[in-house]
Amino acid sequence: MTKHSAITIGSIFTLAANIVIAAEDPVVIGNVTMPEVQSTAAFEQIKRKLGKWEGQLTQSLTGAVYDVSYEWKLIGGGSTIIETVIEDGVEMLTTYSDEDGEFVAKHYCALGTEPVLTATEISDEVVTLSFDNSRSPLRQDMHDFVHSMRWTMDPNDASSMVYEYTVYQAGELSTNRAELRKQ
């Protein structure tokens, strides 16, 4: 039994996104042991996506369908996940980490903005992140930015998921949807 197997995430929502889970093995750089990494339930759910995922995205604003790829990688001794996103040939980056016991995502977008999102829904099948206006100066009437992200895992197929996100462009909210397969 691992340290994580005794924890049932189940239908944990906003408040439970702050549950802290200790890393399994200490990280050593040279001869120095790094401090123990504590992870929230939201961070642990994002870790389930590690690896490369590819598929097709439908852009609701235009109806365009194009190829996408998402690659999640654990860095910083297990303290941060970076996601490299390529949508229609345009690369973007999202970081996922825990700051003072709270899960935070920062998206570096082709729209030229850097929205900060926090977990609003966490379960075995769904992770939803929503824009956190207390951590970001962006305003929907003045800026273009990603407003939410939602991953829905297929409970019968761990190599399949749906990714949906909302984005404000020129004050209008639109939704994009990608069906992805793990490579």
N, C-alpha and C. Protein backbone atom coordinates (compact mmCIF):
# COMPACT_ATOMS: atom_id res chain seq x y z
N MET A 1 0.84 -1.17 0.00
CA MET A 1 0.00 0.00 0.00
C MET A 1 0.89 1.24 0.00
N THR A 2 0.65 2.18 -0.92
CA THR A 2 1.42 3.42 -0.96
C THR A 2 0.79 4.43 -0.01
N LYS A 3 1.49 5.52 0.21
CA LYS A 3 0.95 6.57 1.06
C LYS A 3 -0.35 7.12 0.50
N HIS A 4 -0.50 7.09 -0.84
CA HIS A 4 -1.67 7.69 -1.47
C HIS A 4 -2.86 6.75 -1.52
N SER A 5 -2.65 5.44 -1.40
CA SER A 5 -3.76 4.52 -1.59
C SER A 5 -4.77 4.57 -0.46
N ALA A 6 -4.38 5.09 0.70
CA ALA A 6 -5.31 5.17 1.81
C ALA A 6 -6.19 6.41 1.72
N ILE A 7 -5.90 7.30 0.79
CA ILE A 7 -6.66 8.53 0.65
C ILE A 7 -7.67 8.36 -0.47
N THR A 8 -8.94 8.57 -0.16
CA THR A 8 -9.97 8.51 -1.17
C THR A 8 -10.34 9.93 -1.54
N ILE A 9 -10.11 10.30 -2.77
CA ILE A 9 -10.41 11.65 -3.19
C ILE A 9 -11.90 11.78 -3.47
N GLY A 10 -12.51 10.75 -4.09
CA GLY A 10 -13.96 10.73 -4.29
C GLY A 10 -14.49 12.02 -4.84
N SER A 11 -15.55 12.50 -4.28
CA SER A 11 -16.18 13.74 -4.72
C SER A 11 -15.77 14.89 -3.82
N ILE A 12 -14.51 15.24 -3.86
CA ILE A 12 -13.99 16.33 -3.05
C ILE A 12 -14.12 17.60 -3.87
N PHE A 13 -14.62 18.65 -3.25
CA PHE A 13 -14.78 19.90 -3.98
C PHE A 13 -13.96 21.01 -3.34
N THR A 14 -14.26 22.23 -3.59
CA THR A 14 -13.43 23.39 -3.30
C THR A 14 -12.64 23.32 -2.01
N LEU A 15 -13.27 23.14 -0.88
CA LEU A 15 -12.55 23.18 0.38
C LEU A 15 -11.50 22.09 0.47
N ALA A 16 -11.80 20.92 -0.09
CA ALA A 16 -10.88 19.80 0.01
C ALA A 16 -9.70 19.92 -0.93
N ALA A 17 -9.69 20.90 -1.80
CA ALA A 17 -8.55 21.08 -2.69
C ALA A 17 -7.30 21.41 -1.89
N ASN A 18 -7.45 21.73 -0.61
CA ASN A 18 -6.32 22.07 0.23
C ASN A 18 -5.83 20.90 1.07
N ILE A 19 -6.32 19.68 0.83
CA ILE A 19 -5.79 18.51 1.53
C ILE A 19 -4.33 18.35 1.12
N VAL A 20 -3.46 18.06 2.06
CA VAL A 20 -2.03 17.97 1.77
C VAL A 20 -1.58 16.52 1.83
N ILE A 21 -0.82 16.09 0.81
CA ILE A 21 -0.30 14.74 0.70
C ILE A 21 1.21 14.85 0.61
N ALA A 22 1.92 14.08 1.41
CA ALA A 22 3.38 14.14 1.41
C ALA A 22 3.96 13.37 0.24
N ALA A 23 5.10 13.83 -0.27
CA ALA A 23 5.81 13.13 -1.34
C ALA A 23 6.32 11.79 -0.81
N GLU A 24 6.48 10.81 -1.69
CA GLU A 24 6.88 9.47 -1.27
C GLU A 24 8.36 9.36 -0.94
N ASP A 25 9.24 9.90 -1.77
CA ASP A 25 10.68 9.78 -1.55
C ASP A 25 11.31 11.16 -1.45
N PRO A 26 12.29 11.32 -0.55
CA PRO A 26 12.96 12.62 -0.46
C PRO A 26 13.78 12.89 -1.72
N VAL A 27 13.90 14.16 -2.07
CA VAL A 27 14.70 14.57 -3.21
C VAL A 27 16.05 15.03 -2.68
N VAL A 28 17.12 14.50 -3.30
CA VAL A 28 18.47 14.85 -2.89
C VAL A 28 19.19 15.45 -4.09
N ILE A 29 19.77 16.64 -3.90
CA ILE A 29 20.58 17.29 -4.93
C ILE A 29 21.98 17.41 -4.34
N GLY A 30 22.94 16.75 -4.99
CA GLY A 30 24.28 16.66 -4.40
C GLY A 30 24.16 15.80 -3.15
N ASN A 31 24.52 16.34 -2.04
CA ASN A 31 24.35 15.64 -0.77
C ASN A 31 23.33 16.33 0.12
N VAL A 32 22.53 17.23 -0.47
CA VAL A 32 21.57 18.00 0.31
C VAL A 32 20.16 17.47 0.07
N THR A 33 19.49 17.08 1.13
CA THR A 33 18.10 16.62 1.04
C THR A 33 17.19 17.84 1.00
N MET A 34 16.36 17.91 -0.02
CA MET A 34 15.43 19.02 -0.18
C MET A 34 14.29 18.87 0.83
N PRO A 35 13.63 19.97 1.18
CA PRO A 35 12.49 19.87 2.10
C PRO A 35 11.40 18.97 1.49
N GLU A 36 10.65 18.32 2.35
CA GLU A 36 9.56 17.44 1.90
C GLU A 36 8.51 18.25 1.16
N VAL A 37 8.09 17.76 -0.01
CA VAL A 37 7.07 18.41 -0.82
C VAL A 37 5.69 17.96 -0.32
N GLN A 38 4.84 18.91 -0.03
CA GLN A 38 3.47 18.63 0.36
C GLN A 38 2.58 18.97 -0.83
N SER A 39 1.66 18.08 -1.19
CA SER A 39 0.81 18.28 -2.36
C SER A 39 -0.66 18.28 -1.97
N THR A 40 -1.42 19.16 -2.62
CA THR A 40 -2.87 19.18 -2.43
C THR A 40 -3.51 18.06 -3.25
N ALA A 41 -4.75 17.78 -2.96
CA ALA A 41 -5.51 16.78 -3.73
C ALA A 41 -5.60 17.20 -5.20
N ALA A 42 -5.74 18.49 -5.45
CA ALA A 42 -5.82 18.98 -6.83
C ALA A 42 -4.52 18.68 -7.58
N PHE A 43 -3.39 18.93 -6.93
CA PHE A 43 -2.09 18.65 -7.56
C PHE A 43 -1.96 17.16 -7.87
N GLU A 44 -2.38 16.32 -6.94
CA GLU A 44 -2.32 14.87 -7.16
C GLU A 44 -3.20 14.44 -8.33
N GLN A 45 -4.34 15.08 -8.50
CA GLN A 45 -5.20 14.74 -9.64
C GLN A 45 -4.57 15.18 -10.96
N ILE A 46 -3.92 16.32 -10.98
CA ILE A 46 -3.24 16.76 -12.21
C ILE A 46 -2.08 15.80 -12.52
N LYS A 47 -1.41 15.27 -11.50
CA LYS A 47 -0.31 14.32 -11.73
C LYS A 47 -0.79 13.09 -12.50
N ARG A 48 -2.06 12.75 -12.39
CA ARG A 48 -2.60 11.59 -13.12
C ARG A 48 -2.52 11.81 -14.64
N LYS A 49 -2.35 13.02 -15.07
CA LYS A 49 -2.30 13.35 -16.50
C LYS A 49 -0.88 13.35 -17.06
N LEU A 50 0.12 13.07 -16.22
CA LEU A 50 1.50 13.11 -16.70
C LEU A 50 1.65 12.30 -17.97
N GLY A 51 2.42 12.84 -18.90
CA GLY A 51 2.63 12.19 -20.19
C GLY A 51 2.09 13.07 -21.31
N LYS A 52 2.09 12.50 -22.51
CA LYS A 52 1.66 13.24 -23.70
C LYS A 52 0.26 12.79 -24.12
N TRP A 53 -0.58 13.77 -24.42
CA TRP A 53 -1.95 13.54 -24.87
C TRP A 53 -2.14 14.30 -26.17
N GLU A 54 -2.84 13.68 -27.12
CA GLU A 54 -3.09 14.34 -28.41
C GLU A 54 -4.55 14.14 -28.81
N GLY A 55 -5.01 15.03 -29.67
CA GLY A 55 -6.38 14.91 -30.15
C GLY A 55 -6.76 16.06 -31.04
N GLN A 56 -8.05 16.31 -31.08
CA GLN A 56 -8.63 17.37 -31.90
C GLN A 56 -9.41 18.32 -31.00
N LEU A 57 -9.28 19.61 -31.26
CA LEU A 57 -9.98 20.62 -30.50
C LEU A 57 -10.98 21.31 -31.42
N THR A 58 -12.18 21.53 -30.89
CA THR A 58 -13.20 22.30 -31.61
C THR A 58 -13.30 23.66 -30.95
N GLN A 59 -13.10 24.69 -31.74
CA GLN A 59 -13.14 26.06 -31.25
C GLN A 59 -14.56 26.59 -31.46
N SER A 60 -15.27 26.88 -30.38
CA SER A 60 -16.68 27.28 -30.51
C SER A 60 -16.85 28.64 -31.18
N LEU A 61 -15.87 29.52 -31.04
CA LEU A 61 -15.97 30.85 -31.62
C LEU A 61 -16.07 30.81 -33.15
N THR A 62 -15.33 29.87 -33.78
CA THR A 62 -15.29 29.81 -35.24
C THR A 62 -15.80 28.49 -35.81
N GLY A 63 -15.87 27.46 -34.97
CA GLY A 63 -16.23 26.12 -35.44
C GLY A 63 -15.04 25.35 -35.99
N ALA A 64 -13.87 25.98 -36.00
CA ALA A 64 -12.66 25.33 -36.52
C ALA A 64 -12.30 24.11 -35.67
N VAL A 65 -11.80 23.07 -36.34
CA VAL A 65 -11.31 21.87 -35.66
C VAL A 65 -9.85 21.72 -36.05
N TYR A 66 -8.99 21.56 -35.06
CA TYR A 66 -7.56 21.43 -35.36
C TYR A 66 -6.87 20.52 -34.36
N ASP A 67 -5.65 20.08 -34.76
CA ASP A 67 -4.86 19.18 -33.92
C ASP A 67 -4.32 19.91 -32.70
N VAL A 68 -4.28 19.18 -31.58
CA VAL A 68 -3.72 19.71 -30.34
C VAL A 68 -2.88 18.64 -29.67
N SER A 69 -1.92 19.10 -28.87
CA SER A 69 -1.18 18.16 -28.02
C SER A 69 -0.92 18.86 -26.69
N TYR A 70 -0.93 18.05 -25.65
CA TYR A 70 -0.69 18.52 -24.29
C TYR A 70 0.28 17.55 -23.66
N GLU A 71 1.34 18.08 -23.05
CA GLU A 71 2.29 17.21 -22.38
C GLU A 71 2.52 17.72 -20.97
N TRP A 72 2.23 16.86 -19.99
CA TRP A 72 2.42 17.18 -18.58
C TRP A 72 3.68 16.50 -18.10
N LYS A 73 4.52 17.28 -17.38
CA LYS A 73 5.80 16.77 -16.89
C LYS A 73 6.03 17.28 -15.47
N LEU A 74 6.48 16.39 -14.59
CA LEU A 74 6.77 16.73 -13.21
C LEU A 74 8.20 17.24 -13.11
N ILE A 75 8.40 18.43 -12.51
CA ILE A 75 9.74 19.02 -12.37
C ILE A 75 9.93 19.52 -10.93
N GLY A 76 11.09 20.08 -10.67
CA GLY A 76 11.35 20.70 -9.38
C GLY A 76 11.27 19.73 -8.22
N GLY A 77 11.76 18.50 -8.43
CA GLY A 77 11.72 17.52 -7.36
C GLY A 77 10.33 17.12 -6.97
N GLY A 78 9.39 17.24 -7.90
CA GLY A 78 8.01 16.86 -7.64
C GLY A 78 7.13 17.99 -7.14
N SER A 79 7.65 19.23 -7.16
CA SER A 79 6.88 20.35 -6.62
C SER A 79 6.06 21.11 -7.66
N THR A 80 6.35 20.89 -8.94
CA THR A 80 5.67 21.63 -10.00
C THR A 80 5.40 20.71 -11.19
N ILE A 81 4.26 20.91 -11.82
CA ILE A 81 3.94 20.24 -13.08
C ILE A 81 3.92 21.32 -14.15
N ILE A 82 4.62 21.06 -15.25
CA ILE A 82 4.51 21.98 -16.39
C ILE A 82 3.75 21.27 -17.49
N GLU A 83 2.90 22.02 -18.12
CA GLU A 83 2.12 21.51 -19.25
C GLU A 83 2.50 22.34 -20.47
N THR A 84 3.00 21.66 -21.48
CA THR A 84 3.28 22.31 -22.75
C THR A 84 2.08 22.04 -23.65
N VAL A 85 1.49 23.10 -24.15
CA VAL A 85 0.29 23.03 -24.96
C VAL A 85 0.64 23.46 -26.37
N ILE A 86 0.21 22.69 -27.36
CA ILE A 86 0.35 23.12 -28.75
C ILE A 86 -1.02 23.02 -29.40
N GLU A 87 -1.58 24.19 -29.70
CA GLU A 87 -2.89 24.27 -30.36
C GLU A 87 -2.70 24.88 -31.73
N ASP A 88 -3.01 24.10 -32.76
CA ASP A 88 -2.89 24.56 -34.15
C ASP A 88 -1.50 25.14 -34.43
N GLY A 89 -0.46 24.49 -33.86
CA GLY A 89 0.91 24.89 -34.08
C GLY A 89 1.42 25.99 -33.16
N VAL A 90 0.58 26.52 -32.28
CA VAL A 90 0.98 27.60 -31.37
C VAL A 90 1.23 27.00 -29.99
N GLU A 91 2.45 27.24 -29.47
CA GLU A 91 2.84 26.66 -28.18
C GLU A 91 2.53 27.62 -27.03
N MET A 92 2.02 27.05 -25.94
CA MET A 92 1.75 27.79 -24.71
C MET A 92 2.22 26.93 -23.54
N LEU A 93 2.18 27.48 -22.34
CA LEU A 93 2.67 26.78 -21.17
C LEU A 93 1.74 27.05 -19.98
N THR A 94 1.53 26.02 -19.17
CA THR A 94 0.80 26.18 -17.91
C THR A 94 1.62 25.52 -16.82
N THR A 95 1.71 26.19 -15.66
CA THR A 95 2.38 25.59 -14.51
C THR A 95 1.33 25.29 -13.45
N TYR A 96 1.53 24.19 -12.74
CA TYR A 96 0.64 23.76 -11.66
C TYR A 96 1.50 23.53 -10.43
N SER A 97 1.16 24.16 -9.33
CA SER A 97 1.93 23.99 -8.11
C SER A 97 1.05 24.32 -6.90
N ASP A 98 1.62 24.07 -5.75
CA ASP A 98 0.95 24.41 -4.50
C ASP A 98 1.70 25.56 -3.87
N GLU A 99 0.98 26.62 -3.53
CA GLU A 99 1.58 27.78 -2.88
C GLU A 99 0.94 27.93 -1.50
N ASP A 100 1.75 27.76 -0.47
CA ASP A 100 1.25 27.86 0.91
C ASP A 100 0.03 26.98 1.15
N GLY A 101 0.07 25.75 0.62
CA GLY A 101 -0.99 24.79 0.83
C GLY A 101 -2.21 24.95 -0.06
N GLU A 102 -2.14 25.86 -1.04
CA GLU A 102 -3.25 26.06 -1.97
C GLU A 102 -2.78 25.80 -3.40
N PHE A 103 -3.57 25.04 -4.15
CA PHE A 103 -3.26 24.71 -5.54
C PHE A 103 -3.44 25.95 -6.41
N VAL A 104 -2.45 26.20 -7.29
CA VAL A 104 -2.49 27.36 -8.19
C VAL A 104 -1.99 26.94 -9.57
N ALA A 105 -2.70 27.36 -10.60
CA ALA A 105 -2.26 27.16 -11.99
C ALA A 105 -2.04 28.53 -12.62
N LYS A 106 -0.96 28.64 -13.40
CA LYS A 106 -0.66 29.88 -14.12
C LYS A 106 -0.51 29.52 -15.59
N HIS A 107 -1.33 30.14 -16.41
CA HIS A 107 -1.35 29.83 -17.84
C HIS A 107 -0.70 30.97 -18.61
N TYR A 108 0.33 30.63 -19.41
CA TYR A 108 1.04 31.61 -20.22
C TYR A 108 0.51 31.45 -21.64
N CYS A 109 -0.38 32.36 -22.01
CA CYS A 109 -1.28 32.19 -23.15
C CYS A 109 -0.85 32.95 -24.40
N ALA A 110 -1.25 32.44 -25.54
CA ALA A 110 -1.03 33.11 -26.82
C ALA A 110 -1.82 34.41 -26.90
N LEU A 111 -2.79 34.60 -26.01
CA LEU A 111 -3.54 35.85 -25.96
C LEU A 111 -2.72 36.98 -25.34
N GLY A 112 -1.52 36.64 -24.82
CA GLY A 112 -0.65 37.64 -24.24
C GLY A 112 -0.95 37.92 -22.78
N THR A 113 -1.75 37.08 -22.16
CA THR A 113 -2.08 37.25 -20.74
C THR A 113 -1.63 36.04 -19.95
N GLU A 114 -1.61 36.18 -18.63
CA GLU A 114 -1.18 35.11 -17.73
C GLU A 114 -2.20 34.94 -16.61
N PRO A 115 -3.36 34.36 -16.91
CA PRO A 115 -4.37 34.18 -15.86
C PRO A 115 -3.92 33.17 -14.81
N VAL A 116 -4.37 33.40 -13.59
CA VAL A 116 -4.13 32.49 -12.47
C VAL A 116 -5.44 31.81 -12.15
N LEU A 117 -5.39 30.48 -12.02
CA LEU A 117 -6.60 29.71 -11.75
C LEU A 117 -6.40 28.86 -10.50
N THR A 118 -7.49 28.59 -9.80
CA THR A 118 -7.45 27.72 -8.63
C THR A 118 -8.51 26.63 -8.79
N ALA A 119 -8.36 25.57 -8.02
CA ALA A 119 -9.27 24.41 -8.11
C ALA A 119 -10.63 24.76 -7.54
N THR A 120 -11.68 24.43 -8.31
CA THR A 120 -13.05 24.63 -7.83
C THR A 120 -13.84 23.33 -7.79
N GLU A 121 -13.32 22.29 -8.45
CA GLU A 121 -13.96 20.98 -8.40
C GLU A 121 -12.89 19.91 -8.60
N ILE A 122 -12.84 18.95 -7.68
CA ILE A 122 -11.87 17.87 -7.76
C ILE A 122 -12.58 16.58 -7.43
N SER A 123 -12.50 15.61 -8.33
CA SER A 123 -13.00 14.26 -8.06
C SER A 123 -12.12 13.29 -8.82
N ASP A 124 -12.41 12.00 -8.72
CA ASP A 124 -11.64 11.01 -9.46
C ASP A 124 -11.76 11.20 -10.97
N GLU A 125 -12.88 11.76 -11.43
CA GLU A 125 -13.11 11.89 -12.86
C GLU A 125 -12.99 13.32 -13.39
N VAL A 126 -13.14 14.32 -12.53
CA VAL A 126 -13.19 15.71 -13.00
C VAL A 126 -12.25 16.59 -12.19
N VAL A 127 -11.54 17.46 -12.92
CA VAL A 127 -10.76 18.53 -12.31
C VAL A 127 -11.21 19.82 -13.01
N THR A 128 -11.69 20.78 -12.22
CA THR A 128 -12.09 22.07 -12.77
C THR A 128 -11.29 23.17 -12.09
N LEU A 129 -10.71 24.04 -12.89
CA LEU A 129 -10.00 25.21 -12.40
C LEU A 129 -10.73 26.45 -12.89
N SER A 130 -10.81 27.44 -12.03
CA SER A 130 -11.49 28.68 -12.39
C SER A 130 -10.59 29.88 -12.12
N PHE A 131 -10.79 30.91 -12.90
CA PHE A 131 -10.02 32.15 -12.79
C PHE A 131 -10.13 32.69 -11.37
N ASP A 132 -9.01 33.08 -10.81
CA ASP A 132 -8.96 33.62 -9.45
C ASP A 132 -8.65 35.11 -9.53
N ASN A 133 -9.70 35.94 -9.48
CA ASN A 133 -9.50 37.38 -9.64
C ASN A 133 -8.75 38.02 -8.46
N SER A 134 -8.62 37.29 -7.34
CA SER A 134 -7.85 37.83 -6.22
C SER A 134 -6.34 37.69 -6.45
N ARG A 135 -5.93 36.86 -7.43
CA ARG A 135 -4.52 36.64 -7.72
C ARG A 135 -4.09 37.21 -9.07
N SER A 136 -5.02 37.81 -9.78
CA SER A 136 -4.72 38.30 -11.13
C SER A 136 -5.45 39.61 -11.39
N PRO A 137 -4.80 40.56 -12.05
CA PRO A 137 -5.43 41.85 -12.34
C PRO A 137 -6.32 41.83 -13.59
N LEU A 138 -6.45 40.71 -14.27
CA LEU A 138 -7.20 40.66 -15.52
C LEU A 138 -8.69 40.90 -15.28
N ARG A 139 -9.31 41.61 -16.25
CA ARG A 139 -10.75 41.88 -16.18
C ARG A 139 -11.38 41.50 -17.50
N GLN A 140 -12.53 40.82 -17.42
CA GLN A 140 -13.18 40.31 -18.63
C GLN A 140 -13.62 41.40 -19.59
N ASP A 141 -13.85 42.61 -19.13
CA ASP A 141 -14.26 43.69 -20.02
C ASP A 141 -13.08 44.42 -20.66
N MET A 142 -11.83 44.07 -20.21
CA MET A 142 -10.66 44.76 -20.72
C MET A 142 -9.59 43.83 -21.31
N HIS A 143 -9.62 42.53 -20.94
CA HIS A 143 -8.54 41.63 -21.32
C HIS A 143 -9.08 40.36 -21.96
N ASP A 144 -8.25 39.74 -22.79
CA ASP A 144 -8.54 38.43 -23.34
C ASP A 144 -7.76 37.41 -22.51
N PHE A 145 -8.46 36.38 -21.97
CA PHE A 145 -7.77 35.40 -21.13
C PHE A 145 -8.60 34.14 -20.93
N VAL A 146 -7.90 33.07 -20.61
CA VAL A 146 -8.56 31.80 -20.27
C VAL A 146 -9.22 31.98 -18.91
N HIS A 147 -10.49 31.62 -18.83
CA HIS A 147 -11.28 31.84 -17.61
C HIS A 147 -11.47 30.57 -16.80
N SER A 148 -11.50 29.42 -17.45
CA SER A 148 -11.65 28.15 -16.72
C SER A 148 -11.08 27.01 -17.55
N MET A 149 -10.74 25.92 -16.86
CA MET A 149 -10.25 24.70 -17.49
C MET A 149 -10.95 23.53 -16.80
N ARG A 150 -11.32 22.53 -17.57
CA ARG A 150 -11.99 21.36 -16.99
C ARG A 150 -11.57 20.10 -17.75
N TRP A 151 -11.06 19.12 -17.01
CA TRP A 151 -10.69 17.82 -17.58
C TRP A 151 -11.66 16.78 -17.04
N THR A 152 -12.20 15.99 -17.93
CA THR A 152 -13.08 14.89 -17.53
C THR A 152 -12.45 13.60 -18.02
N MET A 153 -12.06 12.77 -17.06
CA MET A 153 -11.43 11.48 -17.38
C MET A 153 -12.53 10.47 -17.66
N ASP A 154 -12.29 9.58 -18.61
CA ASP A 154 -13.21 8.49 -18.90
C ASP A 154 -13.01 7.42 -17.83
N PRO A 155 -14.04 7.13 -17.01
CA PRO A 155 -13.87 6.16 -15.93
C PRO A 155 -13.59 4.74 -16.42
N ASN A 156 -13.88 4.47 -17.69
CA ASN A 156 -13.66 3.13 -18.25
C ASN A 156 -12.41 3.03 -19.11
N ASP A 157 -11.73 4.17 -19.32
CA ASP A 157 -10.56 4.18 -20.19
C ASP A 157 -9.60 5.27 -19.73
N ALA A 158 -8.58 4.91 -18.96
CA ALA A 158 -7.63 5.87 -18.39
C ALA A 158 -6.80 6.58 -19.45
N SER A 159 -6.86 6.15 -20.70
CA SER A 159 -6.09 6.80 -21.76
C SER A 159 -6.94 7.77 -22.58
N SER A 160 -8.12 8.12 -22.07
CA SER A 160 -9.02 9.01 -22.78
C SER A 160 -9.56 10.08 -21.83
N MET A 161 -9.59 11.32 -22.31
CA MET A 161 -10.20 12.40 -21.52
C MET A 161 -10.70 13.50 -22.44
N VAL A 162 -11.59 14.31 -21.89
CA VAL A 162 -12.11 15.48 -22.58
C VAL A 162 -11.61 16.71 -21.83
N TYR A 163 -11.09 17.67 -22.57
CA TYR A 163 -10.60 18.92 -22.00
C TYR A 163 -11.45 20.04 -22.56
N GLU A 164 -12.03 20.84 -21.67
CA GLU A 164 -12.83 21.99 -22.08
C GLU A 164 -12.29 23.21 -21.35
N TYR A 165 -12.26 24.32 -22.04
CA TYR A 165 -11.87 25.56 -21.37
C TYR A 165 -12.67 26.72 -21.94
N THR A 166 -12.87 27.72 -21.07
CA THR A 166 -13.55 28.93 -21.49
C THR A 166 -12.53 30.04 -21.60
N VAL A 167 -12.80 30.96 -22.52
CA VAL A 167 -11.87 32.06 -22.76
C VAL A 167 -12.68 33.32 -23.05
N TYR A 168 -12.24 34.42 -22.45
CA TYR A 168 -12.82 35.72 -22.78
C TYR A 168 -12.00 36.34 -23.90
N GLN A 169 -12.69 36.71 -24.99
CA GLN A 169 -12.08 37.44 -26.08
C GLN A 169 -13.02 38.56 -26.45
N ALA A 170 -12.52 39.79 -26.43
CA ALA A 170 -13.33 40.98 -26.70
C ALA A 170 -14.59 41.00 -25.84
N GLY A 171 -14.46 40.58 -24.59
CA GLY A 171 -15.58 40.60 -23.66
C GLY A 171 -16.57 39.48 -23.79
N GLU A 172 -16.39 38.61 -24.79
CA GLU A 172 -17.31 37.50 -25.02
C GLU A 172 -16.69 36.20 -24.52
N LEU A 173 -17.49 35.39 -23.84
CA LEU A 173 -17.03 34.11 -23.32
C LEU A 173 -17.34 33.00 -24.32
N SER A 174 -16.32 32.23 -24.68
CA SER A 174 -16.53 31.09 -25.58
C SER A 174 -15.90 29.85 -24.94
N THR A 175 -16.30 28.68 -25.44
CA THR A 175 -15.83 27.41 -24.90
C THR A 175 -15.16 26.62 -26.01
N ASN A 176 -13.99 26.05 -25.70
CA ASN A 176 -13.30 25.16 -26.62
C ASN A 176 -13.30 23.77 -26.00
N ARG A 177 -13.36 22.74 -26.86
CA ARG A 177 -13.45 21.37 -26.37
C ARG A 177 -12.53 20.47 -27.17
N ALA A 178 -11.70 19.69 -26.44
CA ALA A 178 -10.79 18.75 -27.09
C ALA A 178 -11.04 17.35 -26.55
N GLU A 179 -11.02 16.39 -27.45
CA GLU A 179 -11.07 14.98 -27.08
C GLU A 179 -9.65 14.44 -27.25
N LEU A 180 -9.09 13.92 -26.15
CA LEU A 180 -7.67 13.57 -26.12
C LEU A 180 -7.45 12.11 -25.81
N ARG A 181 -6.34 11.56 -26.35
CA ARG A 181 -5.89 10.19 -26.06
C ARG A 181 -4.46 10.27 -25.59
N LYS A 182 -4.15 9.46 -24.58
CA LYS A 182 -2.78 9.41 -24.07
C LYS A 182 -1.92 8.66 -25.07
N GLN A 183 -0.74 9.18 -25.35
CA GLN A 183 0.17 8.58 -26.32
C GLN A 183 1.15 7.65 -25.64
